[in-house]
Amino acid sequence: MRSLSSTPPLVLLLVIVGASGSQWSVKYTQKKICALKGSTVFINGTFTLPASLTVKDAFWVLSMKMQTDIRQTPDYKGRVEYLTDKHKRFSFKLNNVMKKDEKEFCFRVITSDNQNWTYAPGVQLIVPGNARFWVPLYND
């Protein structure tokens, strides 16, 4: 029988994807949000990107194919505000919610080396008609 002291040392190499900062990810706080017409809604989340990159620009789009920041579109100009911090948390504020805002919103990042990343599926905004009963948030 061998004693533990005579057992050769075991070297354990543990690699955690993303721990080294080499992983892209976005986590939306909710997948669906319900808001009444005329109200203000916030869509929140966090993101990570490889440590070698920095964010050149971050904004919201209406689909994977859309390249345009929704703040620049006629339907959203003046109603949208973006809030981010150095911890890579983001929030999208939409004022005066309208029925036509019932869409999927996706977060898009442009990095220092001009890589473009759109994170889908995004967050589905639901705007009920003449609601008498309203549940503000729900999960799938």
N, C-alpha and C. Protein backbone atom coordinates (compact mmCIF):
# COMPACT_ATOMS: atom_id res chain seq x y z
N MET A 1 0.83 -1.17 0.00
CA MET A 1 0.00 0.00 0.00
C MET A 1 0.88 1.24 0.00
N ARG A 2 0.55 2.21 -0.86
CA ARG A 2 1.34 3.45 -0.99
C ARG A 2 0.82 4.49 -0.03
N SER A 3 1.70 5.25 0.52
CA SER A 3 1.28 6.34 1.39
C SER A 3 1.06 7.59 0.54
N LEU A 4 0.28 8.51 1.03
CA LEU A 4 0.01 9.74 0.30
C LEU A 4 1.28 10.54 0.08
N SER A 5 2.21 10.45 0.98
CA SER A 5 3.44 11.23 0.84
C SER A 5 4.29 10.75 -0.32
N SER A 6 4.10 9.51 -0.76
CA SER A 6 4.90 9.02 -1.87
C SER A 6 4.18 9.15 -3.22
N THR A 7 2.96 9.62 -3.19
CA THR A 7 2.19 9.81 -4.42
C THR A 7 2.68 11.06 -5.13
N PRO A 8 2.98 10.94 -6.43
CA PRO A 8 3.44 12.14 -7.15
C PRO A 8 2.35 13.22 -7.14
N PRO A 9 2.75 14.47 -7.14
CA PRO A 9 1.76 15.55 -7.10
C PRO A 9 0.90 15.54 -8.36
N LEU A 10 -0.33 15.85 -8.16
CA LEU A 10 -1.28 15.94 -9.27
C LEU A 10 -1.47 17.40 -9.62
N VAL A 11 -1.24 17.71 -10.84
CA VAL A 11 -1.42 19.08 -11.30
C VAL A 11 -2.78 19.14 -11.98
N LEU A 12 -3.60 20.03 -11.49
CA LEU A 12 -4.95 20.18 -12.01
C LEU A 12 -5.04 21.50 -12.74
N LEU A 13 -5.38 21.44 -13.98
CA LEU A 13 -5.54 22.64 -14.78
C LEU A 13 -7.03 22.84 -15.00
N LEU A 14 -7.54 23.95 -14.53
CA LEU A 14 -8.95 24.26 -14.64
C LEU A 14 -9.11 25.48 -15.52
N VAL A 15 -9.84 25.32 -16.59
CA VAL A 15 -10.10 26.44 -17.49
C VAL A 15 -11.59 26.73 -17.44
N ILE A 16 -11.90 27.93 -17.09
CA ILE A 16 -13.29 28.37 -17.06
C ILE A 16 -13.50 29.34 -18.20
N VAL A 17 -14.37 28.98 -19.12
CA VAL A 17 -14.63 29.83 -20.26
C VAL A 17 -15.18 31.15 -19.77
N GLY A 18 -14.59 32.22 -20.22
CA GLY A 18 -15.04 33.55 -19.84
C GLY A 18 -14.27 34.12 -18.66
N ALA A 19 -13.66 33.27 -17.85
CA ALA A 19 -12.94 33.77 -16.68
C ALA A 19 -11.72 34.58 -17.09
N SER A 20 -11.16 34.22 -18.23
CA SER A 20 -9.99 34.95 -18.70
C SER A 20 -10.37 36.19 -19.50
N GLY A 21 -11.67 36.40 -19.66
CA GLY A 21 -12.13 37.57 -20.40
C GLY A 21 -12.18 37.34 -21.90
N SER A 22 -12.17 36.09 -22.34
CA SER A 22 -12.16 35.81 -23.77
C SER A 22 -13.53 35.44 -24.30
N GLN A 23 -14.57 35.67 -23.55
CA GLN A 23 -15.90 35.25 -23.94
C GLN A 23 -16.83 36.46 -24.10
N TRP A 24 -17.67 36.41 -25.14
CA TRP A 24 -18.72 37.41 -25.33
C TRP A 24 -19.99 36.90 -24.67
N SER A 25 -20.70 37.75 -23.99
CA SER A 25 -22.01 37.34 -23.48
C SER A 25 -22.85 38.56 -23.14
N VAL A 26 -24.15 38.36 -23.21
CA VAL A 26 -25.12 39.36 -22.78
C VAL A 26 -26.18 38.62 -21.99
N LYS A 27 -26.58 39.20 -20.89
CA LYS A 27 -27.68 38.64 -20.12
C LYS A 27 -28.70 39.74 -19.90
N TYR A 28 -29.87 39.56 -20.50
CA TYR A 28 -30.96 40.50 -20.30
C TYR A 28 -31.67 40.13 -19.00
N THR A 29 -32.07 41.13 -18.22
CA THR A 29 -32.74 40.88 -16.95
C THR A 29 -34.08 40.17 -17.17
N GLN A 30 -34.82 40.57 -18.19
CA GLN A 30 -36.08 39.93 -18.55
C GLN A 30 -36.04 39.60 -20.04
N LYS A 31 -36.80 38.59 -20.43
CA LYS A 31 -36.93 38.25 -21.85
C LYS A 31 -38.14 38.93 -22.45
N LYS A 32 -39.13 39.20 -21.60
CA LYS A 32 -40.35 39.88 -22.03
C LYS A 32 -40.71 40.92 -20.98
N ILE A 33 -41.17 42.06 -21.45
CA ILE A 33 -41.62 43.12 -20.55
C ILE A 33 -42.94 43.66 -21.07
N CYS A 34 -43.86 43.87 -20.16
CA CYS A 34 -45.16 44.41 -20.51
C CYS A 34 -45.24 45.84 -19.98
N ALA A 35 -45.68 46.77 -20.84
CA ALA A 35 -45.80 48.17 -20.43
C ALA A 35 -47.06 48.77 -21.04
N LEU A 36 -47.71 49.63 -20.27
CA LEU A 36 -48.91 50.30 -20.75
C LEU A 36 -48.56 51.46 -21.67
N LYS A 37 -49.47 51.76 -22.58
CA LYS A 37 -49.31 52.92 -23.45
C LYS A 37 -49.13 54.17 -22.60
N GLY A 38 -48.18 55.02 -22.99
CA GLY A 38 -47.93 56.26 -22.28
C GLY A 38 -46.96 56.14 -21.12
N SER A 39 -46.60 54.91 -20.75
CA SER A 39 -45.71 54.72 -19.61
C SER A 39 -44.23 54.78 -20.05
N THR A 40 -43.34 54.64 -19.08
CA THR A 40 -41.90 54.56 -19.33
C THR A 40 -41.45 53.17 -18.93
N VAL A 41 -40.61 52.56 -19.74
CA VAL A 41 -40.13 51.20 -19.47
C VAL A 41 -38.60 51.19 -19.51
N PHE A 42 -38.01 50.35 -18.66
CA PHE A 42 -36.56 50.14 -18.64
C PHE A 42 -36.27 48.70 -19.02
N ILE A 43 -35.31 48.49 -19.92
CA ILE A 43 -34.82 47.16 -20.27
C ILE A 43 -33.37 47.12 -19.78
N ASN A 44 -33.06 46.14 -18.93
CA ASN A 44 -31.76 46.10 -18.26
C ASN A 44 -31.01 44.81 -18.55
N GLY A 45 -29.70 44.86 -18.34
CA GLY A 45 -28.88 43.67 -18.48
C GLY A 45 -27.42 43.95 -18.22
N THR A 46 -26.61 42.93 -18.49
CA THR A 46 -25.16 43.03 -18.35
C THR A 46 -24.50 42.40 -19.57
N PHE A 47 -23.25 42.77 -19.83
CA PHE A 47 -22.52 42.14 -20.91
C PHE A 47 -21.05 41.99 -20.55
N THR A 48 -20.40 41.03 -21.22
CA THR A 48 -18.96 40.85 -21.09
C THR A 48 -18.39 40.75 -22.50
N LEU A 49 -17.12 41.07 -22.63
CA LEU A 49 -16.43 40.94 -23.90
C LEU A 49 -14.98 40.60 -23.60
N PRO A 50 -14.25 40.13 -24.61
CA PRO A 50 -12.85 39.79 -24.37
C PRO A 50 -12.08 40.97 -23.77
N ALA A 51 -11.18 40.66 -22.85
CA ALA A 51 -10.41 41.68 -22.13
C ALA A 51 -9.57 42.54 -23.07
N SER A 52 -9.23 42.01 -24.22
CA SER A 52 -8.39 42.75 -25.17
C SER A 52 -9.16 43.84 -25.92
N LEU A 53 -10.48 43.85 -25.78
CA LEU A 53 -11.32 44.81 -26.51
C LEU A 53 -11.96 45.82 -25.57
N THR A 54 -12.26 46.98 -26.12
CA THR A 54 -13.03 47.98 -25.39
C THR A 54 -14.25 48.34 -26.24
N VAL A 55 -15.25 48.88 -25.59
CA VAL A 55 -16.48 49.26 -26.28
C VAL A 55 -16.28 50.63 -26.91
N LYS A 56 -16.48 50.67 -28.21
CA LYS A 56 -16.44 51.93 -28.95
C LYS A 56 -17.82 52.57 -28.94
N ASP A 57 -18.86 51.74 -29.09
CA ASP A 57 -20.23 52.21 -29.07
C ASP A 57 -21.14 51.06 -28.66
N ALA A 58 -22.22 51.36 -27.98
CA ALA A 58 -23.22 50.36 -27.60
C ALA A 58 -24.58 51.01 -27.74
N PHE A 59 -25.49 50.30 -28.38
CA PHE A 59 -26.82 50.85 -28.62
C PHE A 59 -27.82 49.74 -28.86
N TRP A 60 -29.07 50.09 -29.09
CA TRP A 60 -30.15 49.13 -29.29
C TRP A 60 -30.67 49.19 -30.71
N VAL A 61 -31.02 48.01 -31.22
CA VAL A 61 -31.59 47.87 -32.57
C VAL A 61 -32.86 47.04 -32.47
N LEU A 62 -33.61 47.00 -33.57
CA LEU A 62 -34.87 46.28 -33.57
C LEU A 62 -34.79 44.86 -34.13
N SER A 63 -33.64 44.47 -34.65
CA SER A 63 -33.47 43.10 -35.14
C SER A 63 -31.99 42.84 -35.39
N MET A 64 -31.68 41.58 -35.64
CA MET A 64 -30.29 41.21 -35.94
C MET A 64 -29.79 41.92 -37.21
N LYS A 65 -30.67 42.15 -38.17
CA LYS A 65 -30.28 42.74 -39.45
C LYS A 65 -30.15 44.25 -39.40
N MET A 66 -30.83 44.87 -38.43
CA MET A 66 -30.81 46.33 -38.35
C MET A 66 -29.48 46.81 -37.80
N GLN A 67 -28.86 47.74 -38.47
CA GLN A 67 -27.59 48.30 -38.06
C GLN A 67 -27.75 49.64 -37.34
N THR A 68 -28.91 50.25 -37.49
CA THR A 68 -29.12 51.62 -37.03
C THR A 68 -29.52 51.68 -35.56
N ASP A 69 -28.87 52.57 -34.84
CA ASP A 69 -29.22 52.87 -33.46
C ASP A 69 -30.65 53.41 -33.46
N ILE A 70 -31.54 52.81 -32.65
CA ILE A 70 -32.94 53.23 -32.70
C ILE A 70 -33.13 54.69 -32.29
N ARG A 71 -32.17 55.27 -31.58
CA ARG A 71 -32.28 56.70 -31.22
C ARG A 71 -32.30 57.58 -32.47
N GLN A 72 -31.77 57.04 -33.58
CA GLN A 72 -31.68 57.81 -34.82
C GLN A 72 -32.89 57.61 -35.72
N THR A 73 -33.80 56.72 -35.36
CA THR A 73 -34.97 56.47 -36.20
C THR A 73 -36.11 57.41 -35.81
N PRO A 74 -36.92 57.82 -36.77
CA PRO A 74 -38.01 58.77 -36.48
C PRO A 74 -38.96 58.32 -35.37
N ASP A 75 -39.28 57.03 -35.30
CA ASP A 75 -40.22 56.53 -34.29
C ASP A 75 -39.70 56.63 -32.86
N TYR A 76 -38.38 56.67 -32.70
CA TYR A 76 -37.81 56.64 -31.34
C TYR A 76 -37.01 57.88 -30.97
N LYS A 77 -36.74 58.73 -31.94
CA LYS A 77 -35.94 59.93 -31.68
C LYS A 77 -36.58 60.76 -30.56
N GLY A 78 -35.80 61.06 -29.52
CA GLY A 78 -36.27 61.86 -28.41
C GLY A 78 -37.00 61.09 -27.31
N ARG A 79 -37.28 59.79 -27.54
CA ARG A 79 -38.00 58.99 -26.54
C ARG A 79 -37.09 57.96 -25.86
N VAL A 80 -35.84 57.86 -26.30
CA VAL A 80 -34.94 56.80 -25.84
C VAL A 80 -33.74 57.39 -25.12
N GLU A 81 -33.35 56.73 -24.03
CA GLU A 81 -32.14 57.11 -23.31
C GLU A 81 -31.40 55.83 -22.93
N TYR A 82 -30.07 55.84 -23.08
CA TYR A 82 -29.24 54.70 -22.71
C TYR A 82 -28.45 55.04 -21.46
N LEU A 83 -28.39 54.09 -20.56
CA LEU A 83 -27.63 54.25 -19.32
C LEU A 83 -26.69 53.06 -19.21
N THR A 84 -25.39 53.30 -19.10
CA THR A 84 -24.41 52.23 -18.92
C THR A 84 -23.43 52.65 -17.83
N ASP A 85 -22.66 51.67 -17.36
CA ASP A 85 -21.64 52.00 -16.37
C ASP A 85 -20.36 51.22 -16.65
N LYS A 86 -19.33 51.47 -15.88
CA LYS A 86 -18.03 50.84 -16.11
C LYS A 86 -18.04 49.35 -15.77
N HIS A 87 -19.09 48.86 -15.14
CA HIS A 87 -19.19 47.44 -14.79
C HIS A 87 -19.94 46.66 -15.86
N LYS A 88 -20.14 47.28 -17.00
CA LYS A 88 -20.80 46.67 -18.16
C LYS A 88 -22.26 46.29 -17.89
N ARG A 89 -22.92 47.13 -17.11
CA ARG A 89 -24.36 47.02 -16.94
C ARG A 89 -24.99 48.05 -17.87
N PHE A 90 -26.14 47.70 -18.44
CA PHE A 90 -26.79 48.63 -19.34
C PHE A 90 -28.27 48.70 -19.03
N SER A 91 -28.85 49.82 -19.40
CA SER A 91 -30.28 50.03 -19.25
C SER A 91 -30.75 50.88 -20.42
N PHE A 92 -31.88 50.51 -20.95
CA PHE A 92 -32.49 51.20 -22.08
C PHE A 92 -33.83 51.75 -21.57
N LYS A 93 -33.99 53.05 -21.62
CA LYS A 93 -35.20 53.71 -21.13
C LYS A 93 -36.01 54.19 -22.33
N LEU A 94 -37.25 53.77 -22.40
CA LEU A 94 -38.16 54.19 -23.47
C LEU A 94 -39.32 54.93 -22.83
N ASN A 95 -39.47 56.20 -23.20
CA ASN A 95 -40.56 57.04 -22.70
C ASN A 95 -41.76 56.98 -23.62
N ASN A 96 -42.93 57.30 -23.08
CA ASN A 96 -44.16 57.39 -23.85
C ASN A 96 -44.37 56.15 -24.73
N VAL A 97 -44.43 55.00 -24.09
CA VAL A 97 -44.61 53.73 -24.81
C VAL A 97 -45.88 53.77 -25.65
N MET A 98 -45.76 53.28 -26.89
CA MET A 98 -46.88 53.23 -27.84
C MET A 98 -47.11 51.79 -28.27
N LYS A 99 -48.30 51.51 -28.77
CA LYS A 99 -48.62 50.16 -29.24
C LYS A 99 -47.63 49.72 -30.33
N LYS A 100 -47.20 50.64 -31.18
CA LYS A 100 -46.28 50.28 -32.26
C LYS A 100 -44.87 49.95 -31.75
N ASP A 101 -44.61 50.17 -30.45
CA ASP A 101 -43.32 49.79 -29.85
C ASP A 101 -43.27 48.31 -29.50
N GLU A 102 -44.35 47.61 -29.72
CA GLU A 102 -44.41 46.18 -29.39
C GLU A 102 -43.52 45.41 -30.37
N LYS A 103 -42.25 45.28 -29.98
CA LYS A 103 -41.22 44.68 -30.84
C LYS A 103 -40.17 44.01 -29.96
N GLU A 104 -39.22 43.36 -30.62
CA GLU A 104 -38.07 42.80 -29.92
C GLU A 104 -36.91 43.79 -30.04
N PHE A 105 -36.29 44.11 -28.91
CA PHE A 105 -35.16 45.04 -28.86
C PHE A 105 -33.90 44.25 -28.55
N CYS A 106 -32.84 44.48 -29.35
CA CYS A 106 -31.58 43.77 -29.18
C CYS A 106 -30.44 44.76 -28.89
N PHE A 107 -29.54 44.36 -28.02
CA PHE A 107 -28.39 45.17 -27.65
C PHE A 107 -27.27 44.92 -28.65
N ARG A 108 -26.63 45.99 -29.11
CA ARG A 108 -25.56 45.90 -30.12
C ARG A 108 -24.31 46.61 -29.61
N VAL A 109 -23.15 45.99 -29.81
CA VAL A 109 -21.87 46.55 -29.37
C VAL A 109 -20.93 46.65 -30.56
N ILE A 110 -20.23 47.78 -30.66
CA ILE A 110 -19.14 47.94 -31.62
C ILE A 110 -17.88 48.12 -30.79
N THR A 111 -16.88 47.31 -31.09
CA THR A 111 -15.65 47.30 -30.28
C THR A 111 -14.56 48.17 -30.88
N SER A 112 -13.49 48.30 -30.11
CA SER A 112 -12.35 49.13 -30.52
C SER A 112 -11.71 48.65 -31.82
N ASP A 113 -11.87 47.38 -32.15
CA ASP A 113 -11.34 46.89 -33.44
C ASP A 113 -12.44 46.76 -34.49
N ASN A 114 -13.54 47.49 -34.28
CA ASN A 114 -14.68 47.57 -35.20
C ASN A 114 -15.44 46.25 -35.41
N GLN A 115 -15.39 45.35 -34.44
CA GLN A 115 -16.25 44.18 -34.49
C GLN A 115 -17.65 44.63 -34.08
N ASN A 116 -18.66 44.06 -34.71
CA ASN A 116 -20.06 44.38 -34.40
C ASN A 116 -20.73 43.13 -33.86
N TRP A 117 -21.37 43.26 -32.72
CA TRP A 117 -22.05 42.14 -32.09
C TRP A 117 -23.47 42.56 -31.71
N THR A 118 -24.46 41.82 -32.21
CA THR A 118 -25.85 42.04 -31.83
C THR A 118 -26.31 40.80 -31.08
N TYR A 119 -26.90 40.99 -29.92
CA TYR A 119 -27.28 39.88 -29.06
C TYR A 119 -28.76 39.59 -29.19
N ALA A 120 -29.06 38.44 -29.81
CA ALA A 120 -30.43 38.00 -30.00
C ALA A 120 -30.55 36.55 -29.54
N PRO A 121 -31.70 36.12 -29.08
CA PRO A 121 -32.89 36.95 -29.01
C PRO A 121 -32.74 38.06 -27.99
N GLY A 122 -33.47 39.13 -28.24
CA GLY A 122 -33.42 40.29 -27.36
C GLY A 122 -34.54 40.26 -26.34
N VAL A 123 -35.10 41.42 -26.08
CA VAL A 123 -36.18 41.55 -25.11
C VAL A 123 -37.44 41.95 -25.86
N GLN A 124 -38.50 41.19 -25.65
CA GLN A 124 -39.78 41.45 -26.30
C GLN A 124 -40.58 42.41 -25.45
N LEU A 125 -40.96 43.54 -26.03
CA LEU A 125 -41.83 44.50 -25.35
C LEU A 125 -43.27 44.22 -25.77
N ILE A 126 -44.13 44.06 -24.79
CA ILE A 126 -45.55 43.81 -25.04
C ILE A 126 -46.33 45.02 -24.54
N VAL A 127 -47.17 45.56 -25.41
CA VAL A 127 -47.98 46.72 -25.06
C VAL A 127 -49.45 46.32 -25.25
N PRO A 128 -50.13 46.01 -24.14
CA PRO A 128 -51.53 45.57 -24.28
C PRO A 128 -52.42 46.71 -24.74
N GLY A 129 -53.57 46.35 -25.29
CA GLY A 129 -54.54 47.36 -25.74
C GLY A 129 -55.11 48.08 -24.54
N ASN A 130 -56.40 48.12 -24.44
CA ASN A 130 -57.07 48.77 -23.31
C ASN A 130 -57.11 47.80 -22.13
N ALA A 131 -56.00 47.70 -21.43
CA ALA A 131 -55.88 46.74 -20.34
C ALA A 131 -56.55 47.25 -19.07
N ARG A 132 -57.33 46.39 -18.45
CA ARG A 132 -57.91 46.71 -17.15
C ARG A 132 -57.09 46.05 -16.05
N PHE A 133 -56.45 44.96 -16.39
CA PHE A 133 -55.58 44.25 -15.46
C PHE A 133 -54.22 44.16 -16.11
N TRP A 134 -53.21 44.53 -15.38
CA TRP A 134 -51.87 44.62 -15.99
C TRP A 134 -50.84 44.00 -15.07
N VAL A 135 -50.03 43.11 -15.62
CA VAL A 135 -48.93 42.52 -14.88
C VAL A 135 -47.66 43.14 -15.48
N PRO A 136 -46.90 43.92 -14.70
CA PRO A 136 -45.78 44.68 -15.26
C PRO A 136 -44.63 43.85 -15.80
N LEU A 137 -44.28 42.75 -15.17
CA LEU A 137 -43.16 41.93 -15.61
C LEU A 137 -43.52 40.46 -15.48
N TYR A 138 -43.03 39.64 -16.39
CA TYR A 138 -43.19 38.21 -16.24
C TYR A 138 -42.05 37.52 -16.97
N ASN A 139 -41.78 36.30 -16.55
CA ASN A 139 -40.72 35.48 -17.15
C ASN A 139 -41.35 34.34 -17.90
N ASP A 140 -40.59 33.80 -18.87
CA ASP A 140 -41.06 32.64 -19.62
C ASP A 140 -41.16 31.42 -18.72
